[in-house]
Amino acid sequence: MSNYDDPRWYEEQNTMPPKSPVSNSNGSLQQSFEHALTEDDDVYPHRQRQQQVAATPKKRPGRFLGQFLAVTALVVIAFFGGWFSNQLFGNSFNQNDQSRSYSQLIQQAWTTIDQHYVDRKAVDYKKMSYSAISSMVDSLHDKGHTRFLTPQDVKAENQQLQGTYKGFGFYLSYDAQKKQVIIASTLSGSPAEKAGFKRGDAIIAVDGQDVKGKDIPGVSAILSSKSGDTAITVQRVGVEQPITIHVTRAEIKVQNVILHYIPESHIAHIQVVQFATGVSGQVRDALTQAKKLGAKKIILDLRDNPGGILDEAINMASAFVPKGNVLLEQDSTGQQTGVSVTGDTVNTTDTIVILTNGNSASAAEIVSGALHDNGRAIIIGTKTYGTGTVLMQYPLADGSAILVGTQEWLTPKGAFIRDKGISPDIQVELAKNIPMLTAADANAGNLTEDQIIKSGDTQLNAAIEYLKAH
């Protein structure tokens, strides 16, 4: 399924780095938005969703030392970061004096707590470790990308980017202002869609347990612990009383590329849900099918797409761009290296509109930037999420892992995306109470162009009107 995690979406490379790290072929933006519910971690985020993982978990914010004094918690964090650095890099990385000094400080703090803390029942080494790692990673402020993954996260991430998983089938986002976890969208044909969940529903309780005020990882942890019939209470926009919906997790196969052909205007509306394994090939197939149907213009719908596998983004952009770069990679020294198109094109002439919103992240931003900067598409909608690091996955001894941003990516013209996003050429907001009309929705309703226009999806309508005029 897709990685919509706060978007926790990220791009991960397929090549194995030397020694310790394992590169992720998974992507997940996860932003502060969506999570796809999985067997072990029900909610996975936009995301920053966004590559395939070669044996690694996904992110899980650290909030574990509840029984420790605040000072003690900070000491633990300080300790474990140094210990971890020493374990992971000790044989292949020369620490500078400051790094070595704080590594020792962390070890000293761990030992002090281990030997002297009075409430021995409160000493949970796993929680201490995970909390420390999570806090270290969070201190880097690589929004939605660099993060810690538990073993369960790793398993879920792998399943998700292979296109199948067990879950409810909705993506989550987080409204920081209201401090609510929101259902960003549901998967077509999923238990969540069949049960009646709607975009914008705010989750307020799970099986009677109040979850108001919790973040995505907190709600995800509760959802992932449930089996069988689960009662999820939501507050729906425009409805005074909360609604309780019963739903049961099931095995879900995600359709990541959906084509809806609009014959009246010869437009192919191609929705890309996430950049999972094989998506670029599926887009190529959709383009071929659309051309047979008579399509002359294309809407590439990347709204709510959290990202995914970097190679899939490169291959997809290469289908439309005959020469040039898909992106620029910049390392920690500031050196930039262009990542060129593959030369394997399918459509280099038809007019393209890319639809984006605040949940378009990671690989979705790479494709948007590539097609835009190479003159192959205009962008309509709202500014994208703003992830911009290429992740490497570094496995830890217990099956957990950290995803580390080892390079920053820029658009072909050198624009930084991290924390900035990609601004559309034509800004079009979607009305708050109007759901986005996906290609899957249009297919399900066998909608005509007139019916699509009347749906109220102003972004899709703007794309159609632009293409009819160009």
Protein backbone atom coordinates (compact mmCIF):
# COMPACT_ATOMS: atom_id res chain seq x y z
CA MET A 1 0.00 0.00 0.00
CA SER A 2 1.20 3.45 0.14
CA ASN A 3 3.29 5.24 2.57
CA TYR A 4 1.38 8.16 3.72
CA ASP A 5 2.89 9.00 6.93
CA ASP A 6 2.95 12.50 8.02
CA PRO A 7 3.67 12.14 4.88
CA ARG A 8 6.17 9.91 6.07
CA TRP A 9 7.24 9.55 2.57
CA TYR A 10 10.72 9.14 1.49
CA GLU A 11 12.91 8.12 -1.37
CA GLU A 12 15.21 5.25 -0.79
CA GLN A 13 17.90 3.97 -3.06
CA ASN A 14 18.04 0.42 -4.39
CA THR A 15 21.80 0.05 -4.36
CA MET A 16 23.56 -1.46 -1.37
CA PRO A 17 25.95 0.92 0.33
CA PRO A 18 29.22 -0.44 1.63
CA LYS A 19 29.19 -2.18 5.01
CA SER A 20 26.44 -1.56 7.51
CA PRO A 21 23.58 0.23 5.80
CA VAL A 22 20.84 -1.44 3.83
CA SER A 23 19.32 0.72 1.15
CA ASN A 24 15.62 1.07 0.97
CA SER A 25 13.83 0.57 -2.22
CA ASN A 26 10.71 1.69 -0.42
CA GLY A 27 9.45 5.14 -0.26
CA SER A 28 7.24 6.77 2.09
CA LEU A 29 6.80 10.36 2.69
CA GLN A 30 4.78 9.84 5.13
CA GLN A 31 4.32 14.18 5.80
CA SER A 32 2.21 14.75 8.67
CA PHE A 33 -0.48 12.90 6.90
CA GLU A 34 -1.13 9.43 5.91
CA HIS A 35 -0.47 6.01 6.95
CA ALA A 36 -1.76 2.93 5.38
CA LEU A 37 -3.02 0.46 7.86
CA THR A 38 -0.98 -2.67 7.93
CA GLU A 39 -0.81 -5.95 9.74
CA ASP A 40 1.60 -4.73 12.36
CA ASP A 41 1.35 -0.98 12.06
CA ASP A 42 -2.09 -0.09 10.93
CA VAL A 43 -1.43 3.42 9.86
CA TYR A 44 1.30 4.37 7.46
CA PRO A 45 1.43 8.07 6.07
CA HIS A 46 1.99 11.02 2.25
CA ARG A 47 4.21 9.24 2.53
CA GLN A 48 6.91 10.98 2.78
CA ARG A 49 5.30 7.49 1.29
CA GLN A 50 7.49 7.67 0.71
CA GLN A 51 10.51 2.96 -1.80
CA GLN A 52 10.97 -0.62 -0.97
CA VAL A 53 12.73 -1.61 2.10
CA ALA A 54 15.35 -4.29 2.13
CA ALA A 55 14.81 -5.55 5.64
CA THR A 56 13.91 -2.50 7.66
CA PRO A 57 11.13 -1.05 9.76
CA LYS A 58 9.47 2.25 9.67
CA LYS A 59 9.28 5.25 11.71
CA ARG A 60 7.88 5.41 15.11
CA PRO A 61 8.20 8.50 17.22
CA GLY A 62 9.75 8.01 20.58
CA ARG A 63 7.61 8.72 23.59
CA PHE A 64 8.43 5.89 25.94
CA LEU A 65 10.08 7.06 29.15
CA GLY A 66 6.86 8.08 30.79
CA GLN A 67 7.85 6.69 34.15
CA PHE A 68 11.19 8.42 34.20
CA LEU A 69 11.87 11.92 35.38
CA ALA A 70 12.36 14.38 32.53
CA VAL A 71 16.00 14.79 33.39
CA THR A 72 16.48 11.04 33.42
CA ALA A 73 14.87 10.76 30.00
CA LEU A 74 17.23 13.33 28.57
CA VAL A 75 20.18 11.52 30.04
CA VAL A 76 19.04 8.27 28.46
CA ILE A 77 18.71 9.96 25.09
CA ALA A 78 22.14 11.41 25.40
CA PHE A 79 23.58 8.06 26.31
CA PHE A 80 22.14 5.86 23.66
CA GLY A 81 22.96 8.14 20.75
CA GLY A 82 26.65 7.82 21.46
CA TRP A 83 26.47 4.12 22.10
CA PHE A 84 24.56 3.59 18.88
CA SER A 85 27.01 5.70 16.90
CA ASN A 86 29.90 3.72 18.28
CA GLN A 87 28.24 0.39 17.48
CA LEU A 88 27.22 1.30 13.97
CA PHE A 89 30.19 3.34 12.84
CA GLY A 90 32.93 2.38 15.24
CA ASN A 91 34.75 0.14 12.80
CA SER A 92 34.38 2.27 9.70
CA PHE A 93 34.02 5.87 10.82
CA ASN A 94 36.51 8.08 12.61
CA GLN A 95 34.67 10.10 15.23
CA ASN A 96 35.78 13.65 15.83
CA ASP A 97 36.55 14.79 19.37
CA GLN A 98 33.10 16.22 19.98
CA SER A 99 31.36 13.08 18.72
CA ARG A 100 33.57 10.88 20.87
CA SER A 101 33.00 13.05 23.93
CA TYR A 102 29.21 12.90 23.70
CA SER A 103 29.25 9.20 22.89
CA GLN A 104 31.01 8.64 26.17
CA LEU A 105 28.54 10.91 27.94
CA ILE A 106 25.66 8.81 26.69
CA GLN A 107 27.31 5.58 27.80
CA GLN A 108 27.95 7.11 31.22
CA ALA A 109 24.31 8.16 31.56
CA TRP A 110 23.02 4.71 30.57
CA THR A 111 25.31 3.02 33.06
CA THR A 112 24.30 5.41 35.83
CA ILE A 113 20.59 4.74 35.32
CA ASP A 114 21.16 1.03 34.94
CA GLN A 115 23.10 0.79 38.19
CA HIS A 116 21.35 3.30 40.42
CA TYR A 117 17.73 4.02 39.40
CA VAL A 118 15.54 3.02 42.33
CA ASP A 119 12.39 1.74 40.60
CA ARG A 120 13.74 -1.32 38.85
CA LYS A 121 10.33 -2.23 37.43
CA ALA A 122 10.37 1.00 35.46
CA VAL A 123 13.67 0.19 33.75
CA ASP A 124 12.73 -1.12 30.31
CA TYR A 125 15.86 -1.36 28.18
CA LYS A 126 13.99 -1.69 24.92
CA LYS A 127 11.93 1.41 25.60
CA MET A 128 14.98 3.30 26.72
CA SER A 129 16.82 2.37 23.54
CA TYR A 130 13.95 3.07 21.15
CA SER A 131 13.16 6.35 22.86
CA ALA A 132 16.76 7.45 22.69
CA ILE A 133 17.15 6.57 19.03
CA SER A 134 13.88 8.24 18.11
CA SER A 135 14.84 11.41 19.95
CA MET A 136 18.23 11.51 18.24
CA VAL A 137 16.65 11.12 14.85
CA ASP A 138 13.92 13.67 15.58
CA SER A 139 16.58 16.22 16.58
CA LEU A 140 17.75 16.29 12.95
CA HIS A 141 14.45 17.87 11.84
CA ASP A 142 14.32 15.99 8.54
CA LYS A 143 10.55 16.18 8.39
CA GLY A 144 8.91 12.91 7.43
CA HIS A 145 12.08 11.28 6.14
CA THR A 146 15.01 10.49 8.44
CA ARG A 147 13.44 8.37 11.17
CA PHE A 148 13.55 5.29 13.36
CA LEU A 149 11.68 2.13 12.42
CA THR A 150 10.67 -0.63 14.80
CA PRO A 151 10.83 -4.23 13.53
CA GLN A 152 7.06 -4.09 13.01
CA ASP A 153 7.42 -0.89 11.01
CA VAL A 154 10.00 -2.56 8.79
CA LYS A 155 7.73 -5.48 8.04
CA ALA A 156 4.78 -3.21 7.33
CA GLU A 157 6.85 -0.98 5.08
CA ASN A 158 8.01 -3.93 3.02
CA GLN A 159 4.46 -5.20 2.59
CA GLN A 160 3.13 -1.79 1.76
CA LEU A 161 5.52 -1.06 -1.05
CA GLN A 162 4.96 -4.47 -2.56
CA GLY A 163 1.34 -3.40 -3.04
CA THR A 164 -0.36 -5.75 -0.59
CA TYR A 165 -0.99 -5.59 3.13
CA LYS A 166 -3.49 -6.43 5.81
CA GLY A 167 -5.31 -3.44 7.19
CA PHE A 168 -8.38 -1.24 7.17
CA GLY A 169 -7.43 0.64 4.03
CA PHE A 170 -7.39 4.29 4.96
CA TYR A 171 -4.63 6.87 5.06
CA LEU A 172 -4.18 9.24 7.95
CA SER A 173 -3.10 12.85 8.20
CA TYR A 174 -2.58 15.04 11.22
CA ASP A 175 -4.22 18.40 11.83
CA ALA A 176 -1.66 20.10 14.06
CA GLN A 177 -3.93 23.04 14.74
CA LYS A 178 -6.83 20.94 16.00
CA LYS A 179 -4.55 18.15 17.26
CA GLN A 180 -6.63 15.55 15.47
CA VAL A 181 -5.81 12.51 13.36
CA ILE A 182 -7.81 12.77 10.16
CA ILE A 183 -8.70 10.19 7.53
CA ALA A 184 -7.05 11.63 4.42
CA SER A 185 -8.48 9.08 2.00
CA THR A 186 -9.60 5.48 1.67
CA LEU A 187 -8.41 2.82 -0.73
CA SER A 188 -10.78 1.75 -3.43
CA GLY A 189 -12.50 -1.51 -2.47
CA SER A 190 -10.97 -1.55 1.01
CA PRO A 191 -12.82 -2.41 4.25
CA ALA A 192 -12.65 1.28 5.20
CA GLU A 193 -14.32 2.40 2.00
CA LYS A 194 -17.01 -0.28 2.22
CA ALA A 195 -17.69 0.56 5.88
CA GLY A 196 -18.35 4.20 5.00
CA PHE A 197 -15.36 6.21 6.20
CA LYS A 198 -15.02 9.58 4.48
CA ARG A 199 -12.15 11.92 3.74
CA GLY A 200 -11.90 14.45 6.58
CA ASP A 201 -13.32 12.18 9.30
CA ALA A 202 -11.50 12.90 12.58
CA ILE A 203 -10.84 9.78 14.65
CA ILE A 204 -11.87 10.41 18.26
CA ALA A 205 -12.15 6.88 19.72
CA VAL A 206 -11.25 3.26 18.96
CA ASP A 207 -13.36 0.58 20.67
CA GLY A 208 -14.45 3.20 23.16
CA GLN A 209 -10.90 4.34 23.96
CA ASP A 210 -10.55 8.10 23.65
CA VAL A 211 -7.77 9.04 21.20
CA LYS A 212 -8.37 12.78 21.05
CA GLY A 213 -5.10 14.66 21.27
CA LYS A 214 -2.98 11.70 20.12
CA ASP A 215 -0.72 11.96 17.08
CA ILE A 216 -0.56 9.56 14.13
CA PRO A 217 1.87 7.09 15.76
CA GLY A 218 -0.29 7.06 18.89
CA VAL A 219 -3.49 6.30 17.00
CA SER A 220 -1.64 3.87 14.75
CA ALA A 221 -0.39 1.89 17.74
CA ILE A 222 -3.92 1.51 19.05
CA LEU A 223 -5.35 0.52 15.67
CA SER A 224 -2.58 -2.00 15.01
CA SER A 225 -3.36 -3.78 18.29
CA LYS A 226 -6.92 -4.52 17.17
CA SER A 227 -8.16 -7.68 15.49
CA GLY A 228 -11.61 -8.67 14.38
CA ASP A 229 -14.49 -6.21 14.49
CA THR A 230 -13.23 -2.74 15.47
CA ALA A 231 -15.48 0.18 16.38
CA ILE A 232 -13.93 3.46 15.22
CA THR A 233 -15.71 6.65 16.26
CA VAL A 234 -15.24 9.70 14.05
CA GLN A 235 -16.36 13.30 14.02
CA ARG A 236 -17.56 14.11 10.52
CA VAL A 237 -17.51 17.61 9.09
CA GLY A 238 -21.01 19.04 9.03
CA VAL A 239 -22.43 16.32 11.30
CA GLU A 240 -23.18 17.32 14.89
CA GLN A 241 -23.01 13.93 16.59
CA PRO A 242 -20.02 11.54 16.38
CA ILE A 243 -20.42 8.48 14.16
CA THR A 244 -19.27 4.99 15.17
CA ILE A 245 -18.31 2.72 12.28
CA HIS A 246 -17.52 -0.97 12.60
CA VAL A 247 -14.77 -2.33 10.37
CA THR A 248 -12.54 -5.42 10.20
CA ARG A 249 -9.04 -5.54 8.77
CA ALA A 250 -8.53 -7.62 5.66
CA GLU A 251 -5.90 -8.49 3.10
CA ILE A 252 -5.75 -5.61 0.62
CA LYS A 253 -4.17 -5.46 -2.79
CA VAL A 254 -3.52 -1.88 -3.74
CA GLN A 255 -4.15 -0.70 -7.28
CA ASN A 256 -1.48 1.96 -7.57
CA VAL A 257 -2.24 3.22 -11.09
CA ILE A 258 -5.80 3.90 -12.25
CA LEU A 259 -6.80 5.20 -15.68
CA HIS A 260 -10.07 6.97 -16.44
CA TYR A 261 -10.54 8.05 -20.04
CA ILE A 262 -12.65 11.13 -20.75
CA PRO A 263 -13.71 10.62 -24.38
CA GLU A 264 -15.47 14.00 -24.78
CA SER A 265 -12.14 15.82 -24.55
CA HIS A 266 -9.73 12.94 -25.32
CA ILE A 267 -8.11 13.24 -21.88
CA ALA A 268 -6.49 10.40 -19.95
CA HIS A 269 -6.86 10.94 -16.20
CA ILE A 270 -4.11 8.77 -14.66
CA GLN A 271 -4.08 8.56 -10.89
CA VAL A 272 -0.87 7.33 -9.23
CA VAL A 273 -1.52 6.29 -5.62
CA GLN A 274 2.09 5.69 -4.58
CA PHE A 275 5.47 4.84 -6.09
CA ALA A 276 5.52 1.17 -5.14
CA THR A 277 7.29 -1.63 -7.01
CA GLY A 278 6.31 -1.74 -10.68
CA VAL A 279 4.38 1.53 -10.74
CA SER A 280 6.41 3.10 -13.56
CA GLY A 281 5.65 0.09 -15.75
CA GLN A 282 1.97 0.33 -14.86
CA VAL A 283 1.95 4.00 -15.88
CA ARG A 284 3.52 3.07 -19.20
CA ASP A 285 0.80 0.45 -19.71
CA ALA A 286 -1.87 3.01 -18.85
CA LEU A 287 -0.41 5.44 -21.39
CA THR A 288 -0.47 2.76 -24.08
CA GLN A 289 -4.07 1.89 -23.24
CA ALA A 290 -5.09 5.54 -23.21
CA LYS A 291 -3.55 6.13 -26.61
CA LYS A 292 -5.54 3.20 -28.04
CA LEU A 293 -8.70 4.76 -26.62
CA GLY A 294 -7.89 8.03 -28.38
CA ALA A 295 -6.26 10.08 -25.63
CA LYS A 296 -4.37 13.16 -26.79
CA LYS A 297 -3.82 14.90 -23.45
CA ILE A 298 -2.91 13.69 -19.96
CA ILE A 299 -3.78 14.49 -16.37
CA LEU A 300 -1.21 12.93 -14.05
CA ASP A 301 -2.94 12.97 -10.68
CA LEU A 302 -0.37 12.90 -7.84
CA ARG A 303 -2.61 14.33 -5.14
CA ASP A 304 -2.30 12.51 -1.81
CA ASN A 305 0.65 10.53 -3.24
CA PRO A 306 3.21 10.11 -0.42
CA GLY A 307 6.07 8.94 -2.59
CA GLY A 308 7.88 5.64 -2.70
CA ILE A 309 10.75 4.06 -4.58
CA LEU A 310 13.25 6.43 -6.10
CA ASP A 311 13.91 4.27 -9.18
CA GLU A 312 10.18 4.19 -9.92
CA ALA A 313 10.13 8.01 -9.91
CA ILE A 314 13.13 8.13 -12.25
CA ASN A 315 11.59 5.59 -14.62
CA MET A 316 8.22 7.34 -14.62
CA ALA A 317 9.71 10.74 -15.40
CA SER A 318 11.81 9.11 -18.12
CA ALA A 319 8.64 7.94 -19.87
CA PHE A 320 7.84 11.59 -20.67
CA VAL A 321 11.25 13.30 -20.87
CA PRO A 322 13.65 12.30 -23.68
CA LYS A 323 16.80 13.91 -22.28
CA GLY A 324 18.05 15.83 -19.27
CA ASN A 325 17.99 15.22 -15.53
CA VAL A 326 15.21 13.88 -13.35
CA LEU A 327 16.78 15.42 -10.25
CA LEU A 328 20.02 16.64 -8.74
CA GLU A 329 21.53 14.91 -5.72
CA GLN A 330 23.56 17.00 -3.28
CA ASP A 331 25.79 15.37 -0.65
CA SER A 332 26.87 16.72 2.74
CA THR A 333 29.78 18.62 1.15
CA GLY A 334 27.47 20.47 -1.22
CA GLN A 335 28.58 18.60 -4.32
CA GLN A 336 25.76 18.10 -6.82
CA THR A 337 25.34 15.17 -9.20
CA GLY A 338 22.69 14.98 -11.90
CA VAL A 339 20.49 11.88 -12.18
CA SER A 340 19.59 11.65 -15.85
CA VAL A 341 16.57 10.15 -17.57
CA THR A 342 16.89 6.58 -18.81
CA GLY A 343 16.13 7.35 -22.46
CA ASP A 344 13.21 4.91 -22.49
CA THR A 345 10.36 7.23 -23.49
CA VAL A 346 6.72 6.53 -24.21
CA ASN A 347 5.11 9.94 -24.64
CA THR A 348 7.17 13.05 -25.30
CA THR A 349 4.64 15.33 -27.02
CA ASP A 350 1.16 15.18 -25.47
CA THR A 351 0.24 18.08 -23.18
CA ILE A 352 0.38 17.11 -19.50
CA VAL A 353 -1.13 18.62 -16.38
CA ILE A 354 0.10 17.36 -13.00
CA LEU A 355 -2.30 17.69 -10.08
CA THR A 356 -0.71 18.17 -6.64
CA ASN A 357 -1.76 19.03 -3.11
CA GLY A 358 -0.18 19.28 0.33
CA ASN A 359 0.00 15.50 0.60
CA SER A 360 2.01 15.09 -2.61
CA ALA A 361 5.45 14.22 -1.34
CA SER A 362 8.82 12.67 -2.01
CA ALA A 363 8.77 10.68 -5.27
CA ALA A 364 5.63 12.58 -6.30
CA GLU A 365 7.60 15.80 -5.92
CA ILE A 366 10.53 14.38 -7.89
CA VAL A 367 8.29 13.53 -10.85
CA SER A 368 6.48 16.87 -10.62
CA GLY A 369 9.76 18.80 -10.53
CA ALA A 370 11.28 16.74 -13.33
CA LEU A 371 8.40 17.16 -15.77
CA HIS A 372 7.95 20.81 -14.89
CA ASP A 373 11.62 21.84 -15.16
CA ASN A 374 12.03 19.92 -18.41
CA GLY A 375 9.07 21.72 -19.96
CA ARG A 376 6.84 18.65 -20.17
CA ALA A 377 4.06 19.62 -17.77
CA ILE A 378 2.40 22.39 -15.87
CA ILE A 379 1.30 21.91 -12.27
CA ILE A 380 -2.19 22.73 -11.02
CA GLY A 381 -3.41 22.51 -7.43
CA THR A 382 -1.65 23.48 -4.22
CA LYS A 383 1.92 23.41 -2.93
CA THR A 384 3.40 19.98 -2.28
CA TYR A 385 4.52 18.67 1.09
CA GLY A 386 8.23 19.43 0.88
CA THR A 387 10.44 16.39 1.42
CA GLY A 388 13.88 16.43 -0.12
CA THR A 389 16.25 13.78 1.15
CA VAL A 390 17.36 10.48 -0.36
CA LEU A 391 17.23 7.85 2.35
CA MET A 392 19.49 4.93 3.15
CA GLN A 393 18.29 2.23 5.47
CA TYR A 394 20.64 1.11 8.22
CA PRO A 395 19.52 -2.08 9.97
CA LEU A 396 19.98 -2.47 13.71
CA ALA A 397 20.66 -5.67 15.60
CA ASP A 398 17.09 -6.44 16.73
CA GLY A 399 15.47 -6.00 13.32
CA SER A 400 14.73 -2.32 13.78
CA ALA A 401 16.41 0.26 11.58
CA ILE A 402 17.01 3.92 10.98
CA LEU A 403 16.33 5.66 7.71
CA VAL A 404 18.99 8.31 7.26
CA GLY A 405 18.96 11.13 4.74
CA THR A 406 22.37 10.77 3.12
CA GLN A 407 21.73 13.12 0.21
CA GLU A 408 19.42 16.01 -0.54
CA TRP A 409 17.61 16.15 -3.83
CA LEU A 410 16.81 19.20 -5.94
CA THR A 411 14.76 19.70 -9.08
CA PRO A 412 16.65 19.68 -12.41
CA LYS A 413 16.91 23.48 -12.28
CA GLY A 414 18.39 23.37 -8.79
CA ALA A 415 15.37 24.25 -6.65
CA PHE A 416 15.43 22.90 -3.10
CA ILE A 417 12.25 21.10 -2.08
CA ARG A 418 12.84 20.24 1.57
CA ASP A 419 10.54 22.32 3.81
CA LYS A 420 9.52 24.40 0.77
CA GLY A 421 7.59 22.09 -1.52
CA ILE A 422 6.82 22.70 -5.17
CA SER A 423 4.44 25.56 -5.93
CA PRO A 424 1.93 25.01 -8.74
CA ASP A 425 1.85 27.09 -11.90
CA ILE A 426 -1.88 27.55 -11.34
CA GLN A 427 -3.00 27.69 -7.72
CA VAL A 428 -6.37 26.01 -7.23
CA GLU A 429 -7.77 25.15 -3.80
CA LEU A 430 -10.19 22.30 -3.21
CA ALA A 431 -13.25 23.32 -1.21
CA LYS A 432 -13.09 21.96 2.35
CA ASN A 433 -16.29 19.95 2.17
CA ILE A 434 -15.76 18.69 -1.38
CA PRO A 435 -13.88 15.38 -1.76
CA MET A 436 -11.22 14.92 -4.38
CA LEU A 437 -12.60 12.97 -7.36
CA THR A 438 -10.14 10.19 -8.16
CA ALA A 439 -9.85 8.22 -11.38
CA ALA A 440 -11.13 5.24 -9.40
CA ASP A 441 -14.24 7.24 -8.40
CA ALA A 442 -14.84 8.24 -12.01
CA ASN A 443 -14.52 4.65 -13.16
CA ALA A 444 -16.83 3.36 -10.43
CA GLY A 445 -19.51 5.86 -11.44
CA ASN A 446 -18.78 5.62 -15.16
CA LEU A 447 -18.78 9.42 -15.09
CA THR A 448 -18.98 11.60 -18.14
CA GLU A 449 -17.05 14.84 -18.47
CA ASP A 450 -20.14 16.82 -17.50
CA GLN A 451 -20.64 14.71 -14.37
CA ILE A 452 -16.97 15.17 -13.45
CA ILE A 453 -17.32 18.95 -13.78
CA LYS A 454 -20.43 18.90 -11.58
CA SER A 455 -18.60 16.88 -8.87
CA GLY A 456 -17.11 20.09 -7.52
CA ASP A 457 -13.46 18.95 -7.69
CA THR A 458 -12.13 22.36 -8.67
CA GLN A 459 -8.57 21.12 -9.19
CA LEU A 460 -9.57 18.34 -11.60
CA ASN A 461 -11.96 20.70 -13.36
CA ALA A 462 -9.17 23.29 -13.77
CA ALA A 463 -6.96 20.61 -15.33
CA ILE A 464 -9.68 19.63 -17.79
CA GLU A 465 -10.37 23.24 -18.76
CA TYR A 466 -6.65 23.95 -19.22
CA LEU A 467 -6.19 20.92 -21.47
CA LYS A 468 -9.27 21.75 -23.55
CA ALA A 469 -7.77 25.23 -24.15
CA HIS A 470 -4.29 23.95 -24.99
